[in-house]
Amino acid sequence: MSDLTSEQISRLADKWLKGTISQEEKALFEAWYNSVPEGTIDWNDETAHSRQALREHLLQQISERMEEKRPLSLYRRMPARYLRAAAAVALLIIAAGIYWFSVKKQAPSQLAAGNIKNNIQLKPGGNKATLTLANGNVIALEDEQNGALGQQNNTKIIKLNNGQLVYNSEQEKSGNAPAVFNTLSVPRGGKYNITLADGTVVWLNAASSLTFPAAFTDKERQVTLSGEAYFEVATDPSRPFSVKVGDMQVKVLGTHFNIMAYNDEQSVNTTLLQGAVKIQSTTGEALLKPGQQAKMDHAGKVQVVHADLDAVIAWKNGLFSFNNASIEEVMRQVARWFDAEIVYPDGIPQDRFQGEIDRSSDITAVLKILEASGVKFTVQGHKILVRS
């Protein structure tokens, strides 16, 4: 199969992963795979400064092995951010932008075996949200046309394309107006982006909500969060910004940070990327520096640790990201994004996962990659059954 180019192989792998490959293309891809004997590709990790560089390097290596008919498999020295995988899985990694850890070599037909089906009931998330106004009116944003949606006092509410909501405040006219609060609610299987009246930009993850004033008329800017959000706070030293999450409060001036506060997680995690924030809880407080994360447990105890920033904000950048994550941690992310119920009929497998998956991938593609570790999945309607 040396007449296939690396681009053709990548395209066939991409189609196989997405479930759109024809029988003829599948036969061609598997014939190529079966024709390639095992060996190793070894390269310096320090040359792979980005995912794109790694993709291009792998494609070059694959092309050279094909042209020279040399053995092909993949060997990686293991920094935390990369993976070790077999040749067929490496091709899927290239095609889908996926990096995976500790995967055994299996032919594509073997990886595809099992009970995963392209179930149309489980779709990846998209721009879905509802906006509840101060008067109780609820607006389903995905059903609304782009443009002006209404007005709260002297603040215009505008829907832009690509899931963006903007509050445009005539601040000089709002100073004496009473504060009116709106709530942006993102369901499971959704995401949304909002620009508040002060210019602060907030990205909301699935199963999250943000309550905020239509215009900031007080000396302090305060919002309330449930779920997960990434904040880029507009600088205004005269009016400190704070986020209330249950009994915890995050106080900032101008900064970029992420808060993950789902009820089914073990802790509320506040991660600072830029600037400075102060975490206050019922049991104490902590001042974060960039690169640090405050983890507050259910008892209110706060622990400060170093954070994997790429993994923390992966959801905002359209990725699932796992760093030595348990199957429960992995499946909680999958459940929120695909609006699925997770069931463990035979107990919870002990597998650990490390890598990234494009969140635009369909459920079949995501579960096929996860199955490479040995965990098995069955999709039944909105349920995903997980077995070891």
Protein backbone atom coordinates (compact mmCIF):
# COMPACT_ATOMS: atom_id res chain seq x y z
CA MET A 1 0.00 0.00 0.00
CA SER A 2 3.00 2.31 -0.46
CA ASP A 3 1.11 4.17 -3.19
CA LEU A 4 -1.03 5.85 -0.50
CA THR A 5 0.15 9.28 0.57
CA SER A 6 0.21 10.34 4.21
CA GLU A 7 -2.61 12.79 3.48
CA GLN A 8 -4.75 9.98 2.07
CA ILE A 9 -4.07 7.83 5.13
CA SER A 10 -4.93 10.69 7.47
CA ARG A 11 -8.17 11.31 5.57
CA LEU A 12 -9.12 7.61 5.69
CA ALA A 13 -8.33 7.47 9.42
CA ASP A 14 -10.47 10.54 10.00
CA LYS A 15 -13.41 8.97 8.13
CA TRP A 16 -12.99 5.69 10.02
CA LEU A 17 -12.98 7.53 13.35
CA LYS A 18 -16.12 9.50 12.45
CA GLY A 19 -17.94 6.43 11.13
CA THR A 20 -18.31 7.87 7.62
CA ILE A 21 -15.84 5.56 5.87
CA SER A 22 -17.19 3.44 2.99
CA GLN A 23 -16.62 -0.31 2.77
CA GLU A 24 -14.13 0.22 -0.07
CA GLU A 25 -12.23 2.88 1.88
CA LYS A 26 -12.27 0.74 5.01
CA ALA A 27 -10.80 -2.20 3.10
CA LEU A 28 -8.10 0.06 1.68
CA PHE A 29 -7.21 1.52 5.09
CA GLU A 30 -7.09 -1.87 6.84
CA ALA A 31 -5.07 -3.38 3.99
CA TRP A 32 -2.52 -0.58 4.37
CA TYR A 33 -2.44 -1.03 8.13
CA ASN A 34 -1.93 -4.79 7.88
CA SER A 35 0.89 -4.29 5.36
CA VAL A 36 3.01 -2.22 7.76
CA PRO A 37 5.28 -4.30 10.04
CA GLU A 38 6.14 -3.19 13.54
CA GLY A 39 9.20 -1.12 14.44
CA THR A 40 9.74 2.23 16.05
CA ILE A 41 9.75 5.92 15.33
CA ASP A 42 11.79 7.86 17.86
CA TRP A 43 12.14 11.63 17.93
CA ASN A 44 13.15 14.32 20.34
CA ASP A 45 10.19 15.54 22.45
CA GLU A 46 11.70 18.99 22.53
CA THR A 47 11.04 19.41 18.80
CA ALA A 48 7.26 19.11 19.30
CA HIS A 49 6.37 22.59 20.51
CA SER A 50 2.71 22.32 19.51
CA ARG A 51 0.06 19.81 18.51
CA GLN A 52 0.34 20.99 14.89
CA ALA A 53 4.11 20.47 14.94
CA LEU A 54 3.62 16.99 16.37
CA ARG A 55 1.03 16.15 13.69
CA GLU A 56 3.30 17.34 10.89
CA HIS A 57 6.28 15.48 12.33
CA LEU A 58 4.32 12.23 12.57
CA LEU A 59 3.01 12.59 9.04
CA GLN A 60 6.55 13.12 7.77
CA GLN A 61 7.79 10.07 9.64
CA ILE A 62 4.93 7.94 8.37
CA SER A 63 5.49 9.12 4.79
CA GLU A 64 9.22 8.32 4.99
CA ARG A 65 8.56 4.82 6.35
CA MET A 66 6.01 4.20 3.63
CA GLU A 67 8.37 5.36 0.87
CA GLU A 68 11.29 3.36 2.23
CA LYS A 69 9.10 0.40 3.31
CA ARG A 70 10.59 0.60 6.79
CA PRO A 71 8.80 -0.71 9.91
CA LEU A 72 6.34 1.63 11.60
CA SER A 73 5.08 1.95 15.14
CA LEU A 74 5.20 4.78 17.63
CA TYR A 75 7.42 5.10 20.68
CA ARG A 76 7.34 8.12 22.95
CA ARG A 77 9.41 9.10 25.94
CA MET A 78 6.76 10.25 28.34
CA PRO A 79 6.43 13.89 29.37
CA ALA A 80 3.06 14.36 31.08
CA ARG A 81 1.50 16.23 28.17
CA TYR A 82 2.03 13.53 25.53
CA LEU A 83 1.33 9.81 25.05
CA ARG A 84 2.51 6.42 24.02
CA ALA A 85 0.45 4.77 21.32
CA ALA A 86 0.55 2.17 18.56
CA ALA A 87 0.74 2.90 14.86
CA ALA A 88 -2.96 2.61 14.02
CA VAL A 89 -3.96 4.75 16.98
CA ALA A 90 -1.29 7.30 16.01
CA LEU A 91 -3.03 7.71 12.66
CA LEU A 92 -6.32 8.39 14.42
CA ILE A 93 -4.52 10.86 16.65
CA ILE A 94 -3.26 12.71 13.59
CA ALA A 95 -6.64 12.76 11.89
CA ALA A 96 -8.72 13.86 14.87
CA GLY A 97 -6.26 16.02 16.82
CA ILE A 98 -6.26 13.47 19.65
CA TYR A 99 -3.35 12.58 21.95
CA TRP A 100 -3.63 9.46 24.04
CA PHE A 101 -1.66 7.56 26.68
CA SER A 102 -0.74 3.88 27.02
CA VAL A 103 -2.73 2.33 24.18
CA LYS A 104 -2.10 -1.19 22.94
CA LYS A 105 -1.81 -1.85 19.20
CA GLN A 106 -5.07 -3.03 17.68
CA ALA A 107 -6.27 -3.14 14.11
CA PRO A 108 -9.01 -0.63 13.26
CA SER A 109 -11.60 -3.40 12.97
CA GLN A 110 -10.73 -4.60 16.46
CA LEU A 111 -11.03 -1.13 17.94
CA ALA A 112 -14.40 -0.68 16.26
CA ALA A 113 -15.80 -3.88 17.72
CA GLY A 114 -18.16 -3.77 20.66
CA ASN A 115 -21.47 -2.14 21.48
CA ILE A 116 -20.81 1.46 20.48
CA LYS A 117 -23.42 2.61 18.00
CA ASN A 118 -23.90 5.91 16.22
CA ASN A 119 -26.90 6.78 18.39
CA ILE A 120 -28.48 9.99 17.16
CA GLN A 121 -29.79 10.75 20.65
CA LEU A 122 -26.28 11.58 21.88
CA LYS A 123 -24.93 14.63 20.09
CA PRO A 124 -21.94 16.81 21.08
CA GLY A 125 -22.86 20.05 22.77
CA GLY A 126 -23.38 23.39 21.03
CA ASN A 127 -24.42 26.98 21.62
CA LYS A 128 -27.48 26.48 23.82
CA ALA A 129 -28.68 28.66 26.67
CA THR A 130 -31.67 30.43 28.14
CA LEU A 131 -31.71 33.99 29.42
CA THR A 132 -34.04 34.79 32.33
CA LEU A 133 -34.80 38.50 32.58
CA ALA A 134 -35.59 40.45 35.75
CA ASN A 135 -39.33 40.28 35.00
CA GLY A 136 -39.24 36.49 34.79
CA ASN A 137 -39.41 36.24 31.01
CA VAL A 138 -37.28 33.39 29.63
CA ILE A 139 -35.59 33.64 26.23
CA ALA A 140 -34.34 30.48 24.48
CA LEU A 141 -31.28 31.97 22.81
CA GLU A 142 -30.79 29.27 20.19
CA ASP A 143 -34.28 30.08 18.85
CA GLU A 144 -33.66 33.83 18.59
CA GLN A 145 -32.36 35.69 15.56
CA ASN A 146 -29.15 37.68 15.87
CA GLY A 147 -29.64 41.30 16.87
CA ALA A 148 -31.33 43.20 19.71
CA LEU A 149 -33.28 40.96 22.10
CA GLY A 150 -34.55 43.64 24.46
CA GLN A 151 -33.54 46.21 27.04
CA GLN A 152 -33.10 46.20 30.81
CA ASN A 153 -33.22 49.79 32.09
CA ASN A 154 -30.54 51.53 30.00
CA THR A 155 -28.79 48.35 28.92
CA LYS A 156 -29.40 46.80 25.50
CA ILE A 157 -29.19 43.02 25.14
CA ILE A 158 -27.74 41.95 21.80
CA LYS A 159 -27.26 38.45 20.41
CA LEU A 160 -24.27 38.04 18.11
CA ASN A 161 -23.35 35.05 15.99
CA ASN A 162 -21.44 32.00 17.25
CA GLY A 163 -23.18 31.89 20.62
CA GLN A 164 -22.36 35.34 21.97
CA LEU A 165 -24.52 37.60 24.11
CA VAL A 166 -23.56 41.23 24.72
CA TYR A 167 -24.90 43.68 27.32
CA ASN A 168 -24.38 47.20 26.00
CA SER A 169 -24.86 49.67 28.87
CA GLU A 170 -25.19 53.44 28.64
CA GLN A 171 -23.37 53.72 31.94
CA GLU A 172 -23.81 57.43 32.47
CA LYS A 173 -27.57 56.92 32.37
CA SER A 174 -27.51 53.86 34.62
CA GLY A 175 -25.80 55.29 37.69
CA ASN A 176 -28.98 55.99 39.66
CA ALA A 177 -31.05 53.12 38.24
CA PRO A 178 -31.80 50.20 40.57
CA ALA A 179 -29.90 47.00 39.78
CA VAL A 180 -31.86 44.40 37.84
CA PHE A 181 -30.51 40.84 37.65
CA ASN A 182 -30.53 38.42 34.74
CA THR A 183 -29.52 34.76 34.68
CA LEU A 184 -27.84 32.99 31.78
CA SER A 185 -28.40 29.23 32.08
CA VAL A 186 -26.53 26.70 29.94
CA PRO A 187 -27.99 23.16 29.90
CA ARG A 188 -26.13 19.86 29.72
CA GLY A 189 -24.93 19.60 26.15
CA GLY A 190 -24.48 23.36 25.83
CA LYS A 191 -22.03 26.26 26.10
CA TYR A 192 -22.35 30.04 25.77
CA ASN A 193 -20.32 33.22 25.79
CA ILE A 194 -21.44 36.55 27.27
CA THR A 195 -19.97 40.04 27.49
CA LEU A 196 -21.25 41.81 30.61
CA ALA A 197 -22.09 45.50 30.76
CA ASP A 198 -18.63 46.41 32.12
CA GLY A 199 -16.83 44.62 29.29
CA THR A 200 -16.03 41.45 31.26
CA VAL A 201 -16.20 38.37 29.03
CA VAL A 202 -17.45 35.06 30.45
CA TRP A 203 -17.48 31.62 28.82
CA LEU A 204 -19.98 29.23 30.40
CA ASN A 205 -19.51 25.46 30.19
CA ALA A 206 -22.30 22.87 30.07
CA ALA A 207 -24.67 22.59 33.06
CA SER A 208 -23.75 26.06 34.33
CA SER A 209 -25.49 29.34 35.15
CA LEU A 210 -24.43 32.92 35.79
CA THR A 211 -26.54 35.53 37.59
CA PHE A 212 -25.44 39.12 36.99
CA PRO A 213 -26.76 42.70 36.99
CA ALA A 214 -27.82 44.08 33.62
CA ALA A 215 -25.67 47.11 34.49
CA PHE A 216 -23.12 47.44 37.30
CA THR A 217 -24.44 50.39 39.31
CA ASP A 218 -22.83 49.63 42.70
CA LYS A 219 -19.29 50.26 43.92
CA GLU A 220 -18.59 46.55 43.56
CA ARG A 221 -19.24 44.26 40.59
CA GLN A 222 -20.58 40.91 41.78
CA VAL A 223 -21.90 37.89 39.87
CA THR A 224 -23.01 34.44 41.04
CA LEU A 225 -21.85 31.23 39.37
CA SER A 226 -23.01 27.62 39.38
CA GLY A 227 -21.07 25.09 37.31
CA GLU A 228 -17.99 26.17 35.36
CA ALA A 229 -16.93 29.42 33.70
CA TYR A 230 -13.85 31.16 32.39
CA PHE A 231 -13.60 34.90 33.13
CA GLU A 232 -11.67 37.69 31.44
CA VAL A 233 -12.46 40.56 33.80
CA ALA A 234 -12.44 44.16 32.57
CA THR A 235 -10.04 46.26 34.63
CA ASP A 236 -11.69 48.85 36.89
CA PRO A 237 -9.74 49.42 40.13
CA SER A 238 -12.49 51.67 41.50
CA ARG A 239 -15.04 48.83 41.31
CA PRO A 240 -13.66 45.44 42.40
CA PHE A 241 -15.09 42.37 40.67
CA SER A 242 -16.13 39.25 42.61
CA VAL A 243 -17.68 35.88 41.85
CA LYS A 244 -19.88 34.19 44.45
CA VAL A 245 -19.93 30.38 44.40
CA GLY A 246 -21.94 28.97 47.28
CA ASP A 247 -20.09 29.93 50.47
CA MET A 248 -16.95 30.92 48.55
CA GLN A 249 -16.10 34.27 47.04
CA VAL A 250 -13.42 35.07 44.47
CA LYS A 251 -12.31 38.72 44.54
CA VAL A 252 -10.37 40.25 41.63
CA LEU A 253 -9.46 43.54 39.95
CA GLY A 254 -8.55 42.66 36.37
CA THR A 255 -7.61 39.08 35.60
CA HIS A 256 -8.17 35.83 33.68
CA PHE A 257 -9.29 32.82 35.69
CA ASN A 258 -11.43 29.68 35.59
CA ILE A 259 -13.86 28.43 38.23
CA MET A 260 -15.12 24.85 38.20
CA ALA A 261 -17.91 24.41 40.76
CA TYR A 262 -20.05 21.43 39.79
CA ASN A 263 -21.95 19.76 42.62
CA ASP A 264 -20.80 16.28 41.55
CA GLU A 265 -17.09 17.16 41.72
CA GLN A 266 -14.98 16.69 44.85
CA SER A 267 -13.91 20.33 45.09
CA VAL A 268 -14.52 23.82 43.76
CA ASN A 269 -11.42 24.68 41.73
CA THR A 270 -10.38 28.27 41.03
CA THR A 271 -7.44 28.51 38.63
CA LEU A 272 -5.58 31.75 37.91
CA LEU A 273 -4.02 32.37 34.51
CA GLN A 274 -3.29 36.10 34.74
CA GLY A 275 -3.44 38.79 37.42
CA ALA A 276 -4.34 38.04 41.04
CA VAL A 277 -7.37 36.74 42.90
CA LYS A 278 -8.24 36.23 46.55
CA ILE A 279 -10.26 33.17 47.57
CA GLN A 280 -12.42 33.55 50.68
CA SER A 281 -14.34 30.70 52.28
CA THR A 282 -15.92 30.04 55.66
CA THR A 283 -12.65 28.54 56.93
CA GLY A 284 -10.06 30.94 55.56
CA GLU A 285 -8.64 32.63 52.49
CA ALA A 286 -5.88 32.27 49.93
CA LEU A 287 -4.18 34.63 47.48
CA LEU A 288 -3.42 33.04 44.11
CA LYS A 289 -0.57 33.73 41.73
CA PRO A 290 -0.72 32.89 38.00
CA GLY A 291 -0.43 29.15 37.46
CA GLN A 292 -1.93 28.29 40.86
CA GLN A 293 -5.23 26.63 41.68
CA ALA A 294 -7.28 26.84 44.88
CA LYS A 295 -9.20 23.66 45.64
CA MET A 296 -12.00 24.08 48.17
CA ASP A 297 -13.49 20.84 49.48
CA HIS A 298 -17.04 20.36 50.75
CA ALA A 299 -15.96 21.29 54.28
CA GLY A 300 -14.71 24.68 53.06
CA LYS A 301 -11.02 23.85 53.43
CA VAL A 302 -8.86 25.51 50.75
CA GLN A 303 -5.67 23.98 49.37
CA VAL A 304 -3.44 25.79 46.85
CA VAL A 305 -1.67 23.66 44.22
CA HIS A 306 0.11 24.18 40.92
CA ALA A 307 -2.29 23.85 37.99
CA ASP A 308 -2.13 22.27 34.54
CA LEU A 309 -3.42 25.38 32.78
CA ASP A 310 -3.86 23.70 29.40
CA ALA A 311 -6.07 21.03 30.95
CA VAL A 312 -8.09 23.52 33.00
CA ILE A 313 -9.15 25.68 30.05
CA ALA A 314 -9.27 22.88 27.46
CA TRP A 315 -13.10 22.94 27.51
CA LYS A 316 -13.06 26.63 26.50
CA ASN A 317 -10.75 25.76 23.61
CA GLY A 318 -12.97 22.94 22.37
CA LEU A 319 -11.19 19.97 23.93
CA PHE A 320 -11.64 17.28 26.52
CA SER A 321 -8.38 17.10 28.45
CA PHE A 322 -7.43 14.40 30.94
CA ASN A 323 -4.30 14.29 33.09
CA ASN A 324 -4.12 10.94 34.89
CA ALA A 325 -7.91 11.14 35.25
CA SER A 326 -10.09 8.34 36.59
CA ILE A 327 -12.89 6.91 34.46
CA GLU A 328 -15.37 8.73 36.70
CA GLU A 329 -13.69 12.09 36.03
CA VAL A 330 -13.62 11.37 32.31
CA MET A 331 -17.24 10.28 32.13
CA ARG A 332 -18.51 13.27 34.14
CA GLN A 333 -17.12 15.51 31.40
CA VAL A 334 -18.57 13.28 28.69
CA ALA A 335 -21.96 13.17 30.44
CA ARG A 336 -22.25 16.95 30.71
CA TRP A 337 -21.22 17.58 27.12
CA PHE A 338 -23.36 14.86 25.52
CA ASP A 339 -26.22 15.13 28.04
CA ALA A 340 -25.83 11.46 28.91
CA GLU A 341 -26.43 9.29 31.97
CA ILE A 342 -23.45 7.16 33.00
CA VAL A 343 -24.03 3.68 34.45
CA TYR A 344 -21.44 1.25 35.86
CA PRO A 345 -23.27 -2.14 35.86
CA ASP A 346 -20.28 -4.13 37.14
CA GLY A 347 -18.59 -1.53 39.31
CA ILE A 348 -16.24 1.31 38.42
CA PRO A 349 -13.12 0.38 36.35
CA GLN A 350 -9.81 1.56 37.76
CA ASP A 351 -8.30 2.73 34.46
CA ARG A 352 -6.54 6.12 34.27
CA PHE A 353 -6.54 8.38 31.24
CA GLN A 354 -4.27 11.07 29.87
CA GLY A 355 -4.75 12.97 26.64
CA GLU A 356 -7.01 15.26 24.65
CA ILE A 357 -10.04 14.74 22.43
CA ASP A 358 -11.75 17.30 20.21
CA ARG A 359 -15.14 18.08 21.78
CA SER A 360 -16.72 18.35 18.32
CA SER A 361 -16.15 14.60 17.84
CA ASP A 362 -19.29 12.49 17.89
CA ILE A 363 -19.92 10.07 20.75
CA THR A 364 -18.83 7.09 18.66
CA ALA A 365 -15.41 8.62 18.03
CA VAL A 366 -14.92 9.61 21.68
CA LEU A 367 -15.82 6.18 23.04
CA LYS A 368 -13.72 4.34 20.44
CA ILE A 369 -10.68 6.24 21.64
CA LEU A 370 -11.49 5.53 25.29
CA GLU A 371 -12.05 1.84 24.49
CA ALA A 372 -8.43 1.60 23.37
CA SER A 373 -7.49 1.48 27.07
CA GLY A 374 -9.57 -1.65 27.62
CA VAL A 375 -12.75 -0.08 29.01
CA LYS A 376 -15.92 -1.10 27.13
CA PHE A 377 -19.02 0.99 26.46
CA THR A 378 -22.60 0.30 25.47
CA VAL A 379 -24.86 3.12 24.34
CA GLN A 380 -28.55 2.71 25.17
CA GLY A 381 -30.54 5.84 24.31
CA HIS A 382 -29.21 8.56 26.61
CA LYS A 383 -27.37 6.04 28.81
CA ILE A 384 -23.73 5.00 28.46
CA LEU A 385 -22.90 1.72 30.21
CA VAL A 386 -19.25 1.44 31.27
CA ARG A 387 -17.56 -1.91 31.91
CA SER A 388 -13.96 -3.03 32.38
